[in-house]
C-alpha atoms as a PDB file:
ATOM      1  CA  UNK A   1     -43.545-100.816-209.888  1.00  0.00           C
ATOM      2  CA  UNK A   2     -43.341-104.156-208.075  1.00  0.00           C
ATOM      3  CA  UNK A   3     -44.981-107.305-209.400  1.00  0.00           C
ATOM      4  CA  UNK A   4     -47.308-107.262-206.395  1.00  0.00           C
ATOM      5  CA  UNK A   5     -48.708-103.814-207.126  1.00  0.00           C
ATOM      6  CA  UNK A   6     -50.605-105.396-210.013  1.00  0.00           C
ATOM      7  CA  UNK A   7     -52.385-107.867-207.717  1.00  0.00           C
ATOM      8  CA  UNK A   8     -55.883-106.668-206.891  1.00  0.00           C
ATOM      9  CA  UNK A   9     -56.159-108.196-203.440  1.00  0.00           C
ATOM     10  CA  UNK A  10     -53.533-109.525-201.079  1.00  0.00           C
ATOM     11  CA  UNK A  11     -54.775-112.578-199.167  1.00  0.00           C
ATOM     12  CA  UNK A  12     -53.338-114.802-196.455  1.00  0.00           C
ATOM     13  CA  UNK A  13     -52.408-117.194-199.268  1.00  0.00           C
ATOM     14  CA  UNK A  14     -50.460-114.397-201.028  1.00  0.00           C
ATOM     15  CA  UNK A  15     -48.375-113.936-197.862  1.00  0.00           C
ATOM     16  CA  UNK A  16     -47.635-117.662-197.632  1.00  0.00           C
ATOM     17  CA  UNK A  17     -46.533-117.642-201.268  1.00  0.00           C
ATOM     18  CA  UNK A  18     -44.357-114.582-200.634  1.00  0.00           C
ATOM     19  CA  UNK A  19     -42.499-116.482-197.903  1.00  0.00           C
ATOM     20  CA  UNK A  20     -42.048-119.442-200.246  1.00  0.00           C
ATOM     21  CA  UNK A  21     -40.733-117.117-203.012  1.00  0.00           C
ATOM     22  CA  UNK A  22     -38.493-115.245-200.543  1.00  0.00           C
ATOM     23  CA  UNK A  23     -40.376-112.042-201.378  1.00  0.00           C
ATOM     24  CA  UNK A  24     -40.331-109.882-198.234  1.00  0.00           C
ATOM     25  CA  UNK A  25     -43.698-108.757-196.798  1.00  0.00           C
ATOM     26  CA  UNK A  26     -44.268-105.110-195.906  1.00  0.00           C
ATOM     27  CA  UNK A  27     -46.766-104.274-193.150  1.00  0.00           C
ATOM     28  CA  UNK A  28     -47.694-101.028-191.449  1.00  0.00           C
ATOM     29  CA  UNK A  29     -50.337 -99.897-188.970  1.00  0.00           C
ATOM     30  CA  UNK A  30     -53.278 -97.651-189.826  1.00  0.00           C
ATOM     31  CA  UNK A  31     -56.228 -96.531-187.719  1.00  0.00           C
ATOM     32  CA  UNK A  32     -58.278 -94.300-190.024  1.00  0.00           C
ATOM     33  CA  UNK A  33     -59.614 -94.005-193.588  1.00  0.00           C
ATOM     34  CA  UNK A  34     -57.216 -91.301-194.851  1.00  0.00           C
ATOM     35  CA  UNK A  35     -54.070 -93.057-193.646  1.00  0.00           C
ATOM     36  CA  UNK A  36     -55.333 -96.393-194.980  1.00  0.00           C
ATOM     37  CA  UNK A  37     -55.805 -94.876-198.447  1.00  0.00           C
ATOM     38  CA  UNK A  38     -52.266 -93.477-198.418  1.00  0.00           C
ATOM     39  CA  UNK A  39     -50.469 -96.618-197.244  1.00  0.00           C
ATOM     40  CA  UNK A  40     -52.482 -98.752-199.673  1.00  0.00           C
ATOM     41  CA  UNK A  41     -51.571 -96.398-202.543  1.00  0.00           C
ATOM     42  CA  UNK A  42     -47.913 -96.703-201.446  1.00  0.00           C
ATOM     43  CA  UNK A  43     -48.086-100.427-202.202  1.00  0.00           C
ATOM     44  CA  UNK A  44     -48.083-101.884-198.681  1.00  0.00           C
ATOM     45  CA  UNK A  45     -48.833-105.628-198.542  1.00  0.00           C
ATOM     46  CA  UNK A  46     -50.644-105.758-195.206  1.00  0.00           C
ATOM     47  CA  UNK A  47     -52.179-103.225-192.850  1.00  0.00           C
ATOM     48  CA  UNK A  48     -52.425-103.845-189.124  1.00  0.00           C
ATOM     49  CA  UNK A  49     -55.208-102.067-187.273  1.00  0.00           C
ATOM     50  CA  UNK A  50     -53.159-102.302-184.104  1.00  0.00           C
ATOM     51  CA  UNK A  51     -54.309-101.928-180.524  1.00  0.00           C
ATOM     52  CA  UNK A  52     -51.419 -99.426-180.547  1.00  0.00           C
ATOM     53  CA  UNK A  53     -54.320 -97.091-181.422  1.00  0.00           C
ATOM     54  CA  UNK A  54     -54.603 -96.893-177.623  1.00  0.00           C
ATOM     55  CA  UNK A  55     -51.194 -95.157-177.581  1.00  0.00           C
ATOM     56  CA  UNK A  56     -51.003 -93.093-180.775  1.00  0.00           C
ATOM     57  CA  UNK A  57     -54.682 -92.217-181.250  1.00  0.00           C
ATOM     58  CA  UNK A  58     -55.962 -92.085-177.659  1.00  0.00           C
ATOM     59  CA  UNK A  59     -52.848 -91.136-175.669  1.00  0.00           C
ATOM     60  CA  UNK A  60     -52.860 -94.064-173.243  1.00  0.00           C
ATOM     61  CA  UNK A  61     -49.587 -95.319-171.802  1.00  0.00           C
ATOM     62  CA  UNK A  62     -50.299 -98.973-172.662  1.00  0.00           C
ATOM     63  CA  UNK A  63     -52.493-100.849-175.151  1.00  0.00           C
ATOM     64  CA  UNK A  64     -54.661-102.284-172.367  1.00  0.00           C
ATOM     65  CA  UNK A  65     -57.500 -99.703-172.140  1.00  0.00           C
ATOM     66  CA  UNK A  66     -58.770 -99.923-175.744  1.00  0.00           C
ATOM     67  CA  UNK A  67     -62.092-101.779-176.109  1.00  0.00           C
ATOM     68  CA  UNK A  68     -63.383-104.168-178.753  1.00  0.00           C
ATOM     69  CA  UNK A  69     -65.983-101.609-179.857  1.00  0.00           C
ATOM     70  CA  UNK A  70     -63.245 -98.995-180.351  1.00  0.00           C
ATOM     71  CA  UNK A  71     -61.088-101.466-182.296  1.00  0.00           C
ATOM     72  CA  UNK A  72     -64.070-102.369-184.487  1.00  0.00           C
ATOM     73  CA  UNK A  73     -64.609 -98.654-185.231  1.00  0.00           C
ATOM     74  CA  UNK A  74     -60.946 -98.151-186.227  1.00  0.00           C
ATOM     75  CA  UNK A  75     -61.073-101.290-188.389  1.00  0.00           C
ATOM     76  CA  UNK A  76     -64.219-100.117-190.206  1.00  0.00           C
ATOM     77  CA  UNK A  77     -62.490 -96.816-191.001  1.00  0.00           C
ATOM     78  CA  UNK A  78     -59.375 -98.565-192.349  1.00  0.00           C
ATOM     79  CA  UNK A  79     -61.228-101.168-194.422  1.00  0.00           C
ATOM     80  CA  UNK A  80     -63.112 -98.403-196.265  1.00  0.00           C
ATOM     81  CA  UNK A  81     -59.765 -96.960-197.398  1.00  0.00           C
ATOM     82  CA  UNK A  82     -58.184-100.202-198.656  1.00  0.00           C
ATOM     83  CA  UNK A  83     -58.300-101.566-202.208  1.00  0.00           C
ATOM     84  CA  UNK A  84     -55.391-104.009-202.202  1.00  0.00           C
ATOM     85  CA  UNK A  85     -53.735-104.727-198.850  1.00  0.00           C
ATOM     86  CA  UNK A  86     -54.674-107.467-196.393  1.00  0.00           C
ATOM     87  CA  UNK A  87     -56.276-105.892-193.290  1.00  0.00           C
ATOM     88  CA  UNK A  88     -55.439-107.589-189.986  1.00  0.00           C
ATOM     89  CA  UNK A  89     -57.053-106.289-186.780  1.00  0.00           C
ATOM     90  CA  UNK A  90     -55.844-106.769-183.215  1.00  0.00           C
ATOM     91  CA  UNK A  91     -58.243-108.310-180.751  1.00  0.00           C
ATOM     92  CA  UNK A  92     -57.693-106.116-177.678  1.00  0.00           C
ATOM     93  CA  UNK A  93     -56.729-107.204-174.178  1.00  0.00           C
ATOM     94  CA  UNK A  94     -59.445-109.141-172.333  1.00  0.00           C
ATOM     95  CA  UNK A  95     -61.410-110.178-175.427  1.00  0.00           C
ATOM     96  CA  UNK A  96     -59.884-113.640-175.970  1.00  0.00           C
ATOM     97  CA  UNK A  97     -57.749-114.692-172.987  1.00  0.00           C
ATOM     98  CA  UNK A  98     -60.461-115.751-170.554  1.00  0.00           C
ATOM     99  CA  UNK A  99     -62.201-118.466-172.593  1.00  0.00           C
ATOM    100  CA  UNK A 100     -62.414-119.810-176.163  1.00  0.00           C
ATOM    101  CA  UNK A 101     -66.127-118.935-176.535  1.00  0.00           C
ATOM    102  CA  UNK A 102     -65.458-115.281-175.748  1.00  0.00           C
ATOM    103  CA  UNK A 103     -62.463-115.351-178.090  1.00  0.00           C
ATOM    104  CA  UNK A 104     -64.586-116.647-180.963  1.00  0.00           C
ATOM    105  CA  UNK A 105     -67.349-114.134-180.247  1.00  0.00           C
ATOM    106  CA  UNK A 106     -64.784-111.270-180.321  1.00  0.00           C
ATOM    107  CA  UNK A 107     -63.218-112.513-183.563  1.00  0.00           C
ATOM    108  CA  UNK A 108     -66.636-112.937-185.228  1.00  0.00           C
ATOM    109  CA  UNK A 109     -67.576-109.351-184.305  1.00  0.00           C
ATOM    110  CA  UNK A 110     -64.250-108.063-185.656  1.00  0.00           C
ATOM    111  CA  UNK A 111     -64.837-109.812-189.000  1.00  0.00           C
ATOM    112  CA  UNK A 112     -68.579-109.155-189.268  1.00  0.00           C
ATOM    113  CA  UNK A 113     -68.806-105.593-187.932  1.00  0.00           C
ATOM    114  CA  UNK A 114     -65.229-104.418-188.433  1.00  0.00           C
ATOM    115  CA  UNK A 115     -64.811-105.948-191.887  1.00  0.00           C
ATOM    116  CA  UNK A 116     -61.311-107.222-191.057  1.00  0.00           C
ATOM    117  CA  UNK A 117     -59.743-109.868-193.287  1.00  0.00           C
ATOM    118  CA  UNK A 118     -58.004-111.524-190.300  1.00  0.00           C
ATOM    119  CA  UNK A 119     -57.413-111.057-186.571  1.00  0.00           C
ATOM    120  CA  UNK A 120     -54.190-110.930-184.548  1.00  0.00           C
ATOM    121  CA  UNK A 121     -53.835-112.214-180.998  1.00  0.00           C
ATOM    122  CA  UNK A 122     -50.899-112.330-178.584  1.00  0.00           C
ATOM    123  CA  UNK A 123     -49.483-115.461-176.970  1.00  0.00           C
ATOM    124  CA  UNK A 124     -48.721-119.130-177.534  1.00  0.00           C
ATOM    125  CA  UNK A 125     -49.578-122.261-175.540  1.00  0.00           C
ATOM    126  CA  UNK A 126     -51.590-120.235-172.969  1.00  0.00           C
ATOM    127  CA  UNK A 127     -54.226-119.301-175.561  1.00  0.00           C
ATOM    128  CA  UNK A 128     -54.131-122.522-177.589  1.00  0.00           C
ATOM    129  CA  UNK A 129     -57.845-123.285-177.205  1.00  0.00           C
ATOM    130  CA  UNK A 130     -58.889-119.756-178.187  1.00  0.00           C
ATOM    131  CA  UNK A 131     -56.805-119.930-181.368  1.00  0.00           C
ATOM    132  CA  UNK A 132     -58.158-123.379-182.192  1.00  0.00           C
ATOM    133  CA  UNK A 133     -61.749-122.171-181.776  1.00  0.00           C
ATOM    134  CA  UNK A 134     -61.254-119.080-183.976  1.00  0.00           C
ATOM    135  CA  UNK A 135     -59.372-120.946-186.728  1.00  0.00           C
ATOM    136  CA  UNK A 136     -61.963-123.742-186.740  1.00  0.00           C
ATOM    137  CA  UNK A 137     -64.643-121.138-187.384  1.00  0.00           C
ATOM    138  CA  UNK A 138     -62.821-120.203-190.618  1.00  0.00           C
ATOM    139  CA  UNK A 139     -61.329-116.946-189.329  1.00  0.00           C
ATOM    140  CA  UNK A 140     -57.667-116.316-190.294  1.00  0.00           C
ATOM    141  CA  UNK A 141     -55.438-115.744-187.256  1.00  0.00           C
ATOM    142  CA  UNK A 142     -52.056-114.021-187.095  1.00  0.00           C
ATOM    143  CA  UNK A 143     -50.072-114.878-183.958  1.00  0.00           C
ATOM    144  CA  UNK A 144     -47.796-112.569-181.966  1.00  0.00           C
ATOM    145  CA  UNK A 145     -44.819-113.744-179.879  1.00  0.00           C
ATOM    146  CA  UNK A 146     -41.844-112.161-178.113  1.00  0.00           C
ATOM    147  CA  UNK A 147     -42.669-108.839-176.517  1.00  0.00           C
ATOM    148  CA  UNK A 148     -46.453-108.978-176.239  1.00  0.00           C
ATOM    149  CA  UNK A 149     -47.527-105.461-175.183  1.00  0.00           C
ATOM    150  CA  UNK A 150     -50.825-106.665-173.680  1.00  0.00           C
ATOM    151  CA  UNK A 151     -48.756-108.545-171.055  1.00  0.00           C
ATOM    152  CA  UNK A 152     -46.643-105.505-170.212  1.00  0.00           C
ATOM    153  CA  UNK A 153     -47.511-105.535-166.513  1.00  0.00           C
ATOM    154  CA  UNK A 154     -46.424-109.170-166.303  1.00  0.00           C
ATOM    155  CA  UNK A 155     -43.082-108.385-168.011  1.00  0.00           C
ATOM    156  CA  UNK A 156     -42.700-105.051-166.238  1.00  0.00           C
ATOM    157  CA  UNK A 157     -40.560-103.724-169.098  1.00  0.00           C
ATOM    158  CA  UNK A 158     -40.494-103.163-172.862  1.00  0.00           C
ATOM    159  CA  UNK A 159     -36.986-104.649-173.116  1.00  0.00           C
ATOM    160  CA  UNK A 160     -35.933-107.344-175.612  1.00  0.00           C
ATOM    161  CA  UNK A 161     -37.522-110.726-174.858  1.00  0.00           C
ATOM    162  CA  UNK A 162     -36.251-114.327-175.124  1.00  0.00           C
ATOM    163  CA  UNK A 163     -32.568-113.614-174.470  1.00  0.00           C
ATOM    164  CA  UNK A 164     -32.451-116.543-172.031  1.00  0.00           C
ATOM    165  CA  UNK A 165     -32.416-120.106-173.377  1.00  0.00           C
ATOM    166  CA  UNK A 166     -35.609-121.223-171.633  1.00  0.00           C
ATOM    167  CA  UNK A 167     -37.669-118.332-173.005  1.00  0.00           C
ATOM    168  CA  UNK A 168     -36.109-118.767-176.465  1.00  0.00           C
ATOM    169  CA  UNK A 169     -36.989-122.485-176.482  1.00  0.00           C
ATOM    170  CA  UNK A 170     -40.564-121.710-175.442  1.00  0.00           C
ATOM    171  CA  UNK A 171     -40.838-119.114-178.200  1.00  0.00           C
ATOM    172  CA  UNK A 172     -39.707-121.606-180.857  1.00  0.00           C
ATOM    173  CA  UNK A 173     -42.123-124.221-179.556  1.00  0.00           C
ATOM    174  CA  UNK A 174     -44.962-121.629-179.411  1.00  0.00           C
ATOM    175  CA  UNK A 175     -44.248-120.613-183.020  1.00  0.00           C
ATOM    176  CA  UNK A 176     -44.465-124.262-184.130  1.00  0.00           C
ATOM    177  CA  UNK A 177     -47.697-124.644-182.159  1.00  0.00           C
ATOM    178  CA  UNK A 178     -49.212-121.546-183.833  1.00  0.00           C
ATOM    179  CA  UNK A 179     -48.414-123.052-187.225  1.00  0.00           C
ATOM    180  CA  UNK A 180     -49.907-126.394-186.158  1.00  0.00           C
ATOM    181  CA  UNK A 181     -53.090-124.663-184.956  1.00  0.00           C
ATOM    182  CA  UNK A 182     -53.531-123.085-188.379  1.00  0.00           C
ATOM    183  CA  UNK A 183     -52.288-119.493-187.885  1.00  0.00           C
ATOM    184  CA  UNK A 184     -51.320-118.000-191.263  1.00  0.00           C
ATOM    185  CA  UNK A 185     -48.447-115.817-189.942  1.00  0.00           C
ATOM    186  CA  UNK A 186     -46.784-114.689-186.718  1.00  0.00           C
ATOM    187  CA  UNK A 187     -45.429-111.331-185.544  1.00  0.00           C
ATOM    188  CA  UNK A 188     -42.091-111.545-183.697  1.00  0.00           C
ATOM    189  CA  UNK A 189     -41.560-108.455-181.551  1.00  0.00           C
ATOM    190  CA  UNK A 190     -38.288-107.349-179.944  1.00  0.00           C
ATOM    191  CA  UNK A 191     -36.392-110.623-179.864  1.00  0.00           C
ATOM    192  CA  UNK A 192     -32.734-111.304-180.787  1.00  0.00           C
ATOM    193  CA  UNK A 193     -32.177-111.422-184.562  1.00  0.00           C
ATOM    194  CA  UNK A 194     -30.581-114.903-184.337  1.00  0.00           C
ATOM    195  CA  UNK A 195     -33.649-116.304-182.612  1.00  0.00           C
ATOM    196  CA  UNK A 196     -35.981-114.677-185.170  1.00  0.00           C
ATOM    197  CA  UNK A 197     -33.929-116.332-187.933  1.00  0.00           C
ATOM    198  CA  UNK A 198     -34.256-119.728-186.199  1.00  0.00           C
ATOM    199  CA  UNK A 199     -38.024-119.326-185.852  1.00  0.00           C
ATOM    200  CA  UNK A 200     -38.388-118.180-189.466  1.00  0.00           C
ATOM    201  CA  UNK A 201     -36.532-121.269-190.682  1.00  0.00           C
ATOM    202  CA  UNK A 202     -38.396-123.615-188.310  1.00  0.00           C
ATOM    203  CA  UNK A 203     -41.908-122.839-189.575  1.00  0.00           C
ATOM    204  CA  UNK A 204     -43.558-122.648-193.000  1.00  0.00           C
ATOM    205  CA  UNK A 205     -45.826-119.691-192.163  1.00  0.00           C
ATOM    206  CA  UNK A 206     -44.488-116.128-192.586  1.00  0.00           C
ATOM    207  CA  UNK A 207     -42.828-114.283-189.700  1.00  0.00           C
ATOM    208  CA  UNK A 208     -43.284-110.509-189.509  1.00  0.00           C
ATOM    209  CA  UNK A 209     -40.642-108.776-187.411  1.00  0.00           C
ATOM    210  CA  UNK A 210     -40.613-105.594-185.385  1.00  0.00           C
ATOM    211  CA  UNK A 211     -37.254-105.179-183.703  1.00  0.00           C
ATOM    212  CA  UNK A 212     -36.418-108.774-184.664  1.00  0.00           C
ATOM    213  CA  UNK A 213     -33.738-108.297-187.339  1.00  0.00           C
ATOM    214  CA  UNK A 214     -33.683-108.690-191.119  1.00  0.00           C
ATOM    215  CA  UNK A 215     -34.192-112.450-191.377  1.00  0.00           C
ATOM    216  CA  UNK A 216     -37.952-112.431-190.783  1.00  0.00           C
ATOM    217  CA  UNK A 217     -40.197-112.895-193.824  1.00  0.00           C
ATOM    218  CA  UNK A 218     -41.511-109.352-193.428  1.00  0.00           C
ATOM    219  CA  UNK A 219     -41.435-106.218-191.282  1.00  0.00           C
ATOM    220  CA  UNK A 220     -44.072-104.103-189.532  1.00  0.00           C
ATOM    221  CA  UNK A 221     -43.816-100.573-188.132  1.00  0.00           C
ATOM    222  CA  UNK A 222     -46.290 -98.222-186.476  1.00  0.00           C
ATOM    223  CA  UNK A 223     -47.234 -95.583-189.064  1.00  0.00           C
ATOM    224  CA  UNK A 224     -46.939 -92.638-186.658  1.00  0.00           C
ATOM    225  CA  UNK A 225     -43.407 -93.718-185.713  1.00  0.00           C
ATOM    226  CA  UNK A 226     -42.296 -94.396-189.295  1.00  0.00           C
ATOM    227  CA  UNK A 227     -43.391 -90.960-190.557  1.00  0.00           C
ATOM    228  CA  UNK A 228     -41.959 -89.174-187.518  1.00  0.00           C
ATOM    229  CA  UNK A 229     -45.151 -87.925-185.887  1.00  0.00           C
ATOM    230  CA  UNK A 230     -43.958 -89.144-182.477  1.00  0.00           C
ATOM    231  CA  UNK A 231     -41.099 -87.015-181.213  1.00  0.00           C
ATOM    232  CA  UNK A 232     -40.260 -88.852-178.016  1.00  0.00           C
ATOM    233  CA  UNK A 233     -40.234 -92.452-179.258  1.00  0.00           C
ATOM    234  CA  UNK A 234     -36.888 -93.652-180.643  1.00  0.00           C
ATOM    235  CA  UNK A 235     -36.310 -97.379-180.154  1.00  0.00           C
ATOM    236  CA  UNK A 236     -33.290 -98.913-181.863  1.00  0.00           C
ATOM    237  CA  UNK A 237     -35.442-100.784-184.428  1.00  0.00           C
ATOM    238  CA  UNK A 238     -37.236 -97.682-185.725  1.00  0.00           C
ATOM    239  CA  UNK A 239     -36.251 -96.037-189.005  1.00  0.00           C
ATOM    240  CA  UNK A 240     -37.955 -92.660-189.513  1.00  0.00           C
ATOM    241  CA  UNK A 241     -38.743 -92.026-193.158  1.00  0.00           C
ATOM    242  CA  UNK A 242     -40.126 -88.517-192.549  1.00  0.00           C
ATOM    243  CA  UNK A 243     -40.060 -85.899-189.809  1.00  0.00           C
ATOM    244  CA  UNK A 244     -43.739 -84.970-189.893  1.00  0.00           C
ATOM    245  CA  UNK A 245     -43.736 -83.607-186.349  1.00  0.00           C
ATOM    246  CA  UNK A 246     -41.422 -80.766-187.414  1.00  0.00           C
ATOM    247  CA  UNK A 247     -43.158 -80.316-190.788  1.00  0.00           C
ATOM    248  CA  UNK A 248     -46.658 -80.136-189.299  1.00  0.00           C
ATOM    249  CA  UNK A 249     -45.844 -77.906-186.321  1.00  0.00           C
ATOM    250  CA  UNK A 250     -43.984 -75.612-188.755  1.00  0.00           C
ATOM    251  CA  UNK A 251     -46.980 -75.501-191.121  1.00  0.00           C
ATOM    252  CA  UNK A 252     -49.380 -74.753-188.244  1.00  0.00           C
ATOM    253  CA  UNK A 253     -47.090 -71.979-186.932  1.00  0.00           C
ATOM    254  CA  UNK A 254     -47.002 -70.429-190.436  1.00  0.00           C
ATOM    255  CA  UNK A 255     -50.812 -70.663-190.705  1.00  0.00           C
ATOM    256  CA  UNK A 256     -51.209 -68.955-187.293  1.00  0.00           C
ATOM    257  CA  UNK A 257     -48.850 -66.189-188.435  1.00  0.00           C
ATOM    258  CA  UNK A 258     -50.701 -65.724-191.759  1.00  0.00           C
ATOM    259  CA  UNK A 259     -54.109 -65.537-190.043  1.00  0.00           C
ATOM    260  CA  UNK A 260     -52.908 -62.996-187.470  1.00  0.00           C
ATOM    261  CA  UNK A 261     -51.209 -60.809-190.089  1.00  0.00           C
ATOM    262  CA  UNK A 262     -54.316 -61.028-192.322  1.00  0.00           C
ATOM    263  CA  UNK A 263     -52.129 -62.530-195.040  1.00  0.00           C
ATOM    264  CA  UNK A 264     -54.599 -65.430-195.169  1.00  0.00           C
ATOM    265  CA  UNK A 265     -57.000 -65.497-196.879  1.00  0.00           C
ATOM    266  CA  UNK A 266     -55.780 -63.203-199.684  1.00  0.00           C
ATOM    267  CA  UNK A 267     -57.850 -61.919-202.610  1.00  0.00           C
ATOM    268  CA  UNK A 268     -57.422 -65.038-204.744  1.00  0.00           C
ATOM    269  CA  UNK A 269     -58.576 -67.184-201.815  1.00  0.00           C
ATOM    270  CA  UNK A 270     -61.766 -65.183-201.333  1.00  0.00           C
ATOM    271  CA  UNK A 271     -65.110 -65.441-203.182  1.00  0.00           C
END
């Protein structure tokens, strides 16, 4: 049992201390009560109610279609299942980019109605005023740099970001800006491991990597990918800890067979 499993509640301050102590942060996504209970019981430090719910829960190709109301619903479900982990919720596309007032309104709803402990938003300098407004209202903000899926149509690809010097320099300067603005952590997605190491050393807030190498202060994976529920998704950074797709389809096939052969229910399963 780790030292941290004895802590009742993980806070943003806990994560800062973990970086300082060189104690790696574990983060995973969850979108519903049952999953939240399981990952919390497994000792996860932070849970991200990701807008990736648009992909894995709703079947959309990108994260863009999910609404704030839908994200609030998923967050409510997750929060009810959590005893210990920090719950961070994504503000979806279109709820914070246009102006700082709208950004604050979205973040307030996510905290008040969703019950989130913090919000996550994508981008650097471009959304500076929105971050400032949210942080000044006392709402913890996690940043997100590198591959920012909400900007997928601008990038046109899910390939590794910041390989060129100019983009790498901007990413480092954005990370420093996020720290300056009062963000408590930043997700680094799909960037070269060397660059992630540089960023991690350049700022005092924790970095959480996904496809950004081992030198970040923590790691995050999408739950459905990590437990092998998605058959067709195999990026280089993903480690599958289970093959639930095979297990579940096999169990369902067995159930179908047992029902059709009248093997289920048997006498002991009947009243």
